[in-house]
C-alpha atoms as a PDB file:
ATOM      1  CA  MET A   1      97.618-173.311   3.055  1.00  0.00           C
ATOM      2  CA  LYS A   2     100.607-173.005   6.335  1.00  0.00           C
ATOM      3  CA  THR A   3      99.596-176.208   8.345  1.00  0.00           C
ATOM      4  CA  LEU A   4     100.706-176.901  11.418  1.00  0.00           C
ATOM      5  CA  VAL A   5     100.198-179.913  13.493  1.00  0.00           C
ATOM      6  CA  ILE A   6     100.346-180.092  17.166  1.00  0.00           C
ATOM      7  CA  ILE A   7     100.896-183.289  18.950  1.00  0.00           C
ATOM      8  CA  PRO A   8     100.602-182.920  22.569  1.00  0.00           C
ATOM      9  CA  CYS A   9     102.932-185.530  24.607  1.00  0.00           C
ATOM     10  CA  TYR A  10     102.807-187.180  28.292  1.00  0.00           C
ATOM     11  CA  ASN A  11     105.125-190.097  28.226  1.00  0.00           C
ATOM     12  CA  GLU A  12     104.531-191.238  24.622  1.00  0.00           C
ATOM     13  CA  GLU A  13     108.625-192.252  24.026  1.00  0.00           C
ATOM     14  CA  GLU A  14     106.868-195.674  22.597  1.00  0.00           C
ATOM     15  CA  ASN A  15     104.242-194.113  20.116  1.00  0.00           C
ATOM     16  CA  LEU A  16     105.837-190.943  19.129  1.00  0.00           C
ATOM     17  CA  GLN A  17     108.541-192.813  16.266  1.00  0.00           C
ATOM     18  CA  ARG A  18     105.405-194.389  14.722  1.00  0.00           C
ATOM     19  CA  VAL A  19     103.128-190.858  14.984  1.00  0.00           C
ATOM     20  CA  VAL A  20     106.085-188.820  13.241  1.00  0.00           C
ATOM     21  CA  ASN A  21     107.178-191.317  10.493  1.00  0.00           C
ATOM     22  CA  ASP A  22     103.225-191.917   9.548  1.00  0.00           C
ATOM     23  CA  LEU A  23     102.638-188.486   9.379  1.00  0.00           C
ATOM     24  CA  HIS A  24     105.606-187.773   7.058  1.00  0.00           C
ATOM     25  CA  ALA A  25     104.295-190.590   5.059  1.00  0.00           C
ATOM     26  CA  ALA A  26     100.411-189.258   4.552  1.00  0.00           C
ATOM     27  CA  ALA A  27     101.872-185.519   4.755  1.00  0.00           C
ATOM     28  CA  PRO A  28     105.268-184.553   4.181  1.00  0.00           C
ATOM     29  CA  ASP A  29     104.344-181.072   3.129  1.00  0.00           C
ATOM     30  CA  VAL A  30     102.941-179.948   6.639  1.00  0.00           C
ATOM     31  CA  ASP A  31     104.779-178.949   9.622  1.00  0.00           C
ATOM     32  CA  TYR A  32     104.423-180.246  13.850  1.00  0.00           C
ATOM     33  CA  LEU A  33     105.333-179.554  16.694  1.00  0.00           C
ATOM     34  CA  ILE A  34     105.594-181.590  19.514  1.00  0.00           C
ATOM     35  CA  VAL A  35     104.764-180.437  22.562  1.00  0.00           C
ATOM     36  CA  ASP A  36     106.515-182.670  25.377  1.00  0.00           C
ATOM     37  CA  ASP A  37     104.501-181.996  28.771  1.00  0.00           C
ATOM     38  CA  CYS A  38     107.360-182.646  31.411  1.00  0.00           C
ATOM     39  CA  SER A  39     107.457-186.049  30.204  1.00  0.00           C
ATOM     40  CA  THR A  40     109.262-188.324  33.077  1.00  0.00           C
ATOM     41  CA  ASP A  41     109.824-191.090  30.522  1.00  0.00           C
ATOM     42  CA  GLY A  42     112.276-190.908  27.406  1.00  0.00           C
ATOM     43  CA  SER A  43     110.177-188.731  24.854  1.00  0.00           C
ATOM     44  CA  ALA A  44     112.531-185.842  25.064  1.00  0.00           C
ATOM     45  CA  ALA A  45     115.344-187.523  24.593  1.00  0.00           C
ATOM     46  CA  LEU A  46     113.831-189.583  21.535  1.00  0.00           C
ATOM     47  CA  CYS A  47     112.799-186.310  20.261  1.00  0.00           C
ATOM     48  CA  LYS A  48     116.093-184.750  20.259  1.00  0.00           C
ATOM     49  CA  LYS A  49     117.826-187.767  18.944  1.00  0.00           C
ATOM     50  CA  ASN A  50     115.792-188.150  15.931  1.00  0.00           C
ATOM     51  CA  GLY A  51     115.878-184.481  15.011  1.00  0.00           C
ATOM     52  CA  TYR A  52     112.092-183.963  15.576  1.00  0.00           C
ATOM     53  CA  HIS A  53     110.450-180.451  15.965  1.00  0.00           C
ATOM     54  CA  TYR A  54     109.141-180.374  19.711  1.00  0.00           C
ATOM     55  CA  LEU A  55     109.651-177.944  22.367  1.00  0.00           C
ATOM     56  CA  THR A  56     109.045-178.764  26.150  1.00  0.00           C
ATOM     57  CA  LEU A  57     107.786-177.140  28.622  1.00  0.00           C
ATOM     58  CA  PRO A  58     109.325-176.254  32.080  1.00  0.00           C
ATOM     59  CA  ILE A  59     106.438-177.129  33.955  1.00  0.00           C
ATOM     60  CA  ASN A  60     103.805-179.890  33.955  1.00  0.00           C
ATOM     61  CA  LEU A  61     100.744-177.894  32.891  1.00  0.00           C
ATOM     62  CA  GLY A  62      98.137-180.754  31.424  1.00  0.00           C
ATOM     63  CA  ILE A  63      96.812-181.090  27.765  1.00  0.00           C
ATOM     64  CA  GLY A  64      95.087-178.091  27.866  1.00  0.00           C
ATOM     65  CA  GLY A  65      98.216-176.351  28.559  1.00  0.00           C
ATOM     66  CA  GLY A  66     100.311-178.518  26.358  1.00  0.00           C
ATOM     67  CA  VAL A  67      97.934-177.572  23.293  1.00  0.00           C
ATOM     68  CA  GLN A  68      97.534-173.922  24.128  1.00  0.00           C
ATOM     69  CA  SER A  69     101.240-173.550  24.198  1.00  0.00           C
ATOM     70  CA  GLY A  70     101.100-175.198  20.177  1.00  0.00           C
ATOM     71  CA  TYR A  71      98.292-172.356  19.282  1.00  0.00           C
ATOM     72  CA  LEU A  72     100.449-169.527  20.653  1.00  0.00           C
ATOM     73  CA  TYR A  73     103.459-171.586  18.757  1.00  0.00           C
ATOM     74  CA  ALA A  74     101.143-171.307  15.436  1.00  0.00           C
ATOM     75  CA  ARG A  75     100.070-167.605  16.194  1.00  0.00           C
ATOM     76  CA  GLU A  76     103.680-166.551  16.597  1.00  0.00           C
ATOM     77  CA  HIS A  77     104.797-167.954  12.995  1.00  0.00           C
ATOM     78  CA  ASP A  78     101.314-167.349  11.373  1.00  0.00           C
ATOM     79  CA  TYR A  79      99.988-170.611  10.623  1.00  0.00           C
ATOM     80  CA  ASP A  80      96.927-170.617   8.488  1.00  0.00           C
ATOM     81  CA  ILE A  81      95.273-173.629  10.043  1.00  0.00           C
ATOM     82  CA  THR A  82      96.195-175.765  13.043  1.00  0.00           C
ATOM     83  CA  VAL A  83      95.652-179.428  13.417  1.00  0.00           C
ATOM     84  CA  GLN A  84      95.651-181.472  17.065  1.00  0.00           C
ATOM     85  CA  MET A  85      96.874-185.233  16.745  1.00  0.00           C
ATOM     86  CA  ASP A  86      97.053-187.157  19.808  1.00  0.00           C
ATOM     87  CA  GLY A  87     100.878-189.045  20.553  1.00  0.00           C
ATOM     88  CA  ASP A  88      99.513-192.228  21.149  1.00  0.00           C
ATOM     89  CA  GLY A  89      98.989-193.298  17.375  1.00  0.00           C
ATOM     90  CA  GLN A  90      95.307-193.572  17.903  1.00  0.00           C
ATOM     91  CA  HIS A  91      94.907-190.488  14.951  1.00  0.00           C
ATOM     92  CA  ASP A  92      95.317-191.650  11.741  1.00  0.00           C
ATOM     93  CA  PRO A  93      97.254-188.871   9.284  1.00  0.00           C
ATOM     94  CA  ALA A  94      95.863-190.267   6.460  1.00  0.00           C
ATOM     95  CA  TYR A  95      92.441-188.500   7.378  1.00  0.00           C
ATOM     96  CA  LEU A  96      94.661-185.304   8.170  1.00  0.00           C
ATOM     97  CA  GLN A  97      93.514-183.612   4.501  1.00  0.00           C
ATOM     98  CA  ARG A  98      89.804-184.579   5.075  1.00  0.00           C
ATOM     99  CA  LEU A  99      89.695-182.988   8.481  1.00  0.00           C
ATOM    100  CA  ILE A 100      91.448-179.881   7.223  1.00  0.00           C
ATOM    101  CA  ARG A 101      89.576-179.308   3.893  1.00  0.00           C
ATOM    102  CA  PRO A 102      86.321-177.738   5.024  1.00  0.00           C
ATOM    103  CA  VAL A 103      88.473-175.203   7.125  1.00  0.00           C
ATOM    104  CA  ALA A 104      90.345-174.337   4.324  1.00  0.00           C
ATOM    105  CA  GLY A 105      87.678-174.238   2.379  1.00  0.00           C
ATOM    106  CA  GLY A 106      85.834-171.335   4.849  1.00  0.00           C
ATOM    107  CA  GLU A 107      82.831-173.894   5.759  1.00  0.00           C
ATOM    108  CA  LEU A 108      84.225-174.088   9.370  1.00  0.00           C
ATOM    109  CA  ASP A 109      86.342-172.758  11.615  1.00  0.00           C
ATOM    110  CA  MET A 110      86.688-176.113  13.970  1.00  0.00           C
ATOM    111  CA  ALA A 111      86.442-179.506  12.061  1.00  0.00           C
ATOM    112  CA  ILE A 112      86.473-182.993  14.475  1.00  0.00           C
ATOM    113  CA  GLY A 113      87.553-185.999  13.440  1.00  0.00           C
ATOM    114  CA  SER A 114      84.549-188.416  14.325  1.00  0.00           C
ATOM    115  CA  ARG A 115      84.714-191.940  14.767  1.00  0.00           C
ATOM    116  CA  PHE A 116      81.272-192.242  15.157  1.00  0.00           C
ATOM    117  CA  ILE A 117      79.667-190.654  12.010  1.00  0.00           C
ATOM    118  CA  GLU A 118      80.081-194.258   9.853  1.00  0.00           C
ATOM    119  CA  LYS A 119      81.630-196.227  13.275  1.00  0.00           C
ATOM    120  CA  GLU A 120      84.481-197.631  11.459  1.00  0.00           C
ATOM    121  CA  GLY A 121      87.658-198.343  12.994  1.00  0.00           C
ATOM    122  CA  PHE A 122      88.134-198.385  16.587  1.00  0.00           C
ATOM    123  CA  GLN A 123      85.294-197.290  18.724  1.00  0.00           C
ATOM    124  CA  THR A 124      86.633-197.433  22.182  1.00  0.00           C
ATOM    125  CA  SER A 125      84.989-199.001  25.378  1.00  0.00           C
ATOM    126  CA  PHE A 126      81.732-199.321  26.329  1.00  0.00           C
ATOM    127  CA  MET A 127      81.749-196.913  29.153  1.00  0.00           C
ATOM    128  CA  ARG A 128      83.764-193.996  27.357  1.00  0.00           C
ATOM    129  CA  ARG A 129      81.537-194.702  24.877  1.00  0.00           C
ATOM    130  CA  LEU A 130      78.371-193.849  27.169  1.00  0.00           C
ATOM    131  CA  GLY A 131      80.188-190.413  28.782  1.00  0.00           C
ATOM    132  CA  ILE A 132      80.933-189.258  25.505  1.00  0.00           C
ATOM    133  CA  ASN A 133      77.068-189.627  24.170  1.00  0.00           C
ATOM    134  CA  VAL A 134      76.145-188.292  27.696  1.00  0.00           C
ATOM    135  CA  ILE A 135      78.597-185.162  27.217  1.00  0.00           C
ATOM    136  CA  ARG A 136      77.195-185.143  23.649  1.00  0.00           C
ATOM    137  CA  VAL A 137      73.361-184.628  25.299  1.00  0.00           C
ATOM    138  CA  MET A 138      74.845-181.813  27.450  1.00  0.00           C
ATOM    139  CA  ILE A 139      76.634-180.050  24.899  1.00  0.00           C
ATOM    140  CA  ARG A 140      73.746-179.561  22.907  1.00  0.00           C
ATOM    141  CA  ALA A 141      71.581-178.622  25.085  1.00  0.00           C
ATOM    142  CA  LEU A 142      74.115-175.713  26.313  1.00  0.00           C
ATOM    143  CA  CYS A 143      74.853-174.151  22.914  1.00  0.00           C
ATOM    144  CA  GLY A 144      72.296-176.257  20.334  1.00  0.00           C
ATOM    145  CA  VAL A 145      75.362-178.175  18.758  1.00  0.00           C
ATOM    146  CA  ASP A 146      74.995-181.743  18.052  1.00  0.00           C
ATOM    147  CA  VAL A 147      78.426-182.975  18.373  1.00  0.00           C
ATOM    148  CA  ARG A 148      79.032-187.282  18.336  1.00  0.00           C
ATOM    149  CA  ASP A 149      82.351-187.257  19.238  1.00  0.00           C
ATOM    150  CA  THR A 150      82.870-184.565  22.125  1.00  0.00           C
ATOM    151  CA  THR A 151      86.044-185.656  23.386  1.00  0.00           C
ATOM    152  CA  SER A 152      87.759-186.235  20.017  1.00  0.00           C
ATOM    153  CA  GLY A 153      91.425-184.583  19.884  1.00  0.00           C
ATOM    154  CA  PHE A 154      91.699-185.056  16.810  1.00  0.00           C
ATOM    155  CA  ARG A 155      90.733-181.789  15.042  1.00  0.00           C
ATOM    156  CA  ALA A 156      91.817-178.658  12.576  1.00  0.00           C
ATOM    157  CA  CYS A 157      91.396-174.799  13.537  1.00  0.00           C
ATOM    158  CA  SER A 158      91.322-171.841  11.515  1.00  0.00           C
ATOM    159  CA  LYS A 159      93.349-169.342  11.593  1.00  0.00           C
ATOM    160  CA  GLU A 160      91.171-166.707  13.499  1.00  0.00           C
ATOM    161  CA  LEU A 161      89.898-169.576  15.851  1.00  0.00           C
ATOM    162  CA  THR A 162      93.456-171.000  16.742  1.00  0.00           C
ATOM    163  CA  SER A 163      94.646-166.873  17.431  1.00  0.00           C
ATOM    164  CA  TYR A 164      91.389-167.307  19.975  1.00  0.00           C
ATOM    165  CA  PHE A 165      92.850-170.331  21.283  1.00  0.00           C
ATOM    166  CA  ALA A 166      95.770-168.828  21.971  1.00  0.00           C
ATOM    167  CA  ASP A 167      94.851-166.863  24.628  1.00  0.00           C
ATOM    168  CA  HIS A 168      91.618-168.641  25.385  1.00  0.00           C
ATOM    169  CA  TYR A 169      92.120-172.429  25.819  1.00  0.00           C
ATOM    170  CA  ALA A 170      90.535-175.067  28.799  1.00  0.00           C
ATOM    171  CA  GLN A 171      92.547-176.646  31.074  1.00  0.00           C
ATOM    172  CA  ASP A 172      90.744-179.522  32.670  1.00  0.00           C
ATOM    173  CA  TYR A 173      88.296-180.783  29.839  1.00  0.00           C
ATOM    174  CA  PRO A 174      89.820-178.692  26.857  1.00  0.00           C
ATOM    175  CA  GLU A 175      87.721-181.005  23.988  1.00  0.00           C
ATOM    176  CA  PRO A 176      84.116-180.491  24.958  1.00  0.00           C
ATOM    177  CA  GLU A 177      84.896-176.767  26.383  1.00  0.00           C
ATOM    178  CA  ALA A 178      86.727-175.911  23.457  1.00  0.00           C
ATOM    179  CA  ILE A 179      83.533-177.007  21.252  1.00  0.00           C
ATOM    180  CA  VAL A 180      81.015-174.879  23.900  1.00  0.00           C
ATOM    181  CA  THR A 181      83.449-171.915  23.479  1.00  0.00           C
ATOM    182  CA  ALA A 182      83.896-171.858  20.100  1.00  0.00           C
ATOM    183  CA  VAL A 183      80.178-172.203  19.503  1.00  0.00           C
ATOM    184  CA  LEU A 184      79.187-169.619  21.839  1.00  0.00           C
ATOM    185  CA  ARG A 185      81.777-167.299  20.431  1.00  0.00           C
ATOM    186  CA  GLY A 186      80.119-167.675  17.079  1.00  0.00           C
ATOM    187  CA  TYR A 187      82.518-170.104  15.196  1.00  0.00           C
ATOM    188  CA  ARG A 188      81.312-172.767  12.795  1.00  0.00           C
ATOM    189  CA  VAL A 189      81.940-176.388  14.699  1.00  0.00           C
ATOM    190  CA  GLY A 190      81.138-179.307  12.813  1.00  0.00           C
ATOM    191  CA  GLU A 191      82.362-183.116  12.431  1.00  0.00           C
ATOM    192  CA  VAL A 192      84.559-185.263   9.493  1.00  0.00           C
ATOM    193  CA  SER A 193      83.983-188.753   9.459  1.00  0.00           C
ATOM    194  CA  VAL A 194      87.279-190.496  10.494  1.00  0.00           C
ATOM    195  CA  LYS A 195      88.881-193.883  11.614  1.00  0.00           C
ATOM    196  CA  MET A 196      90.522-194.214  14.692  1.00  0.00           C
ATOM    197  CA  ARG A 197      93.151-196.857  15.710  1.00  0.00           C
ATOM    198  CA  GLU A 198      93.852-198.479  19.212  1.00  0.00           C
ATOM    199  CA  ARG A 199      96.293-196.786  21.387  1.00  0.00           C
ATOM    200  CA  ILE A 200      99.692-198.120  19.845  1.00  0.00           C
ATOM    201  CA  ALA A 201     101.506-198.611  23.098  1.00  0.00           C
ATOM    202  CA  GLY A 202     101.512-197.624  26.962  1.00  0.00           C
ATOM    203  CA  LYS A 203      97.941-197.071  28.931  1.00  0.00           C
ATOM    204  CA  SER A 204      95.613-194.611  28.884  1.00  0.00           C
ATOM    205  CA  SER A 205      95.580-192.137  31.822  1.00  0.00           C
ATOM    206  CA  ILE A 206      91.711-192.756  32.060  1.00  0.00           C
ATOM    207  CA  SER A 207      89.997-196.363  32.950  1.00  0.00           C
ATOM    208  CA  PRO A 208      86.708-197.464  32.488  1.00  0.00           C
ATOM    209  CA  MET A 209      85.963-196.722  35.616  1.00  0.00           C
ATOM    210  CA  LYS A 210      87.303-193.360  35.609  1.00  0.00           C
ATOM    211  CA  SER A 211      85.230-192.672  32.661  1.00  0.00           C
ATOM    212  CA  ILE A 212      82.092-192.414  35.122  1.00  0.00           C
ATOM    213  CA  TYR A 213      84.113-189.983  37.045  1.00  0.00           C
ATOM    214  CA  TYR A 214      85.243-187.857  33.875  1.00  0.00           C
ATOM    215  CA  MET A 215      81.972-187.593  32.713  1.00  0.00           C
ATOM    216  CA  LEU A 216      80.040-186.047  35.872  1.00  0.00           C
ATOM    217  CA  LYS A 217      82.698-183.898  36.246  1.00  0.00           C
ATOM    218  CA  VAL A 218      82.608-182.433  32.730  1.00  0.00           C
ATOM    219  CA  CYS A 219      79.204-182.442  32.721  1.00  0.00           C
ATOM    220  CA  ILE A 220      79.235-180.279  35.896  1.00  0.00           C
ATOM    221  CA  ALA A 221      82.455-178.010  34.699  1.00  0.00           C
ATOM    222  CA  LEU A 222      80.333-177.472  31.221  1.00  0.00           C
ATOM    223  CA  VAL A 223      77.480-176.183  33.184  1.00  0.00           C
ATOM    224  CA  VAL A 224      79.295-173.945  35.068  1.00  0.00           C
ATOM    225  CA  PHE A 225      81.524-172.768  31.828  1.00  0.00           C
ATOM    226  CA  ARG A 226      78.309-172.385  30.548  1.00  0.00           C
ATOM    227  CA  ILE A 227      76.626-169.560  33.060  1.00  0.00           C
ATOM    228  CA  THR A 228      80.251-168.107  33.249  1.00  0.00           C
ATOM    229  CA  ILE A 229      80.521-167.513  29.620  1.00  0.00           C
ATOM    230  CA  GLY A 230      77.055-166.325  29.400  1.00  0.00           C
ATOM    231  CA  ARG A 231      77.743-163.127  32.178  1.00  0.00           C
ATOM    232  CA  GLN A 232      80.626-161.921  29.439  1.00  0.00           C
ATOM    233  CA  LYS A 233      80.110-160.437  26.083  1.00  0.00           C
ATOM    234  CA  GLY A 234      78.953-162.717  23.198  1.00  0.00           C
ATOM    235  CA  GLY A 235      80.655-162.532  19.703  1.00  0.00           C
ATOM    236  CA  ARG A 236      84.000-163.217  18.585  1.00  0.00           C
ATOM    237  CA  ALA A 237      87.043-162.107  20.157  1.00  0.00           C
END
């Protein structure tokens, strides 16, 4: 099926070349689009120099806006499946086909790559795992689905869900909110076991202490979001 891999990028100059090379090696037949969110390093210059498929946003939109730009591109170019894959090298393209399979087979509308099913590979820090588990409990309470790796940005979406996300995608905490949105709109969400790697280079914007702050903000945002969406009509767009 016609597949697009969306790679959101903000200051990933040190990581992009390996990410693209690994993707080419593991899945040479899929298309990809690097969405450069006004990086202040040489990410855009690297993309241009190497002839990568990329677009540079005119203003910084954050991770949510960057990914939504990719969904808009996918809808405009009639892709059957879209895959999100981070630009920091943590997501291994070797698991791409495993991630796509339940979506291509019509079993799921969103397949999330989870590092916590078999608990192999990089498991992230204790504080981040704590936050992820708290968000897991919150999501289960709000919409009745149990997702272990709630903040995983490695996920595949169906054509219909791609079209929906092209118009409606969370900006601040996109990974957890996208799960709640999809479930409450009647889409099927599940997980696929993957192994993740440590960031190749650079530094995550979320430190251990920021993980607690992030967790609290996400939980509050999810509750507000659930109340808001509950007042709207249910069902698919």
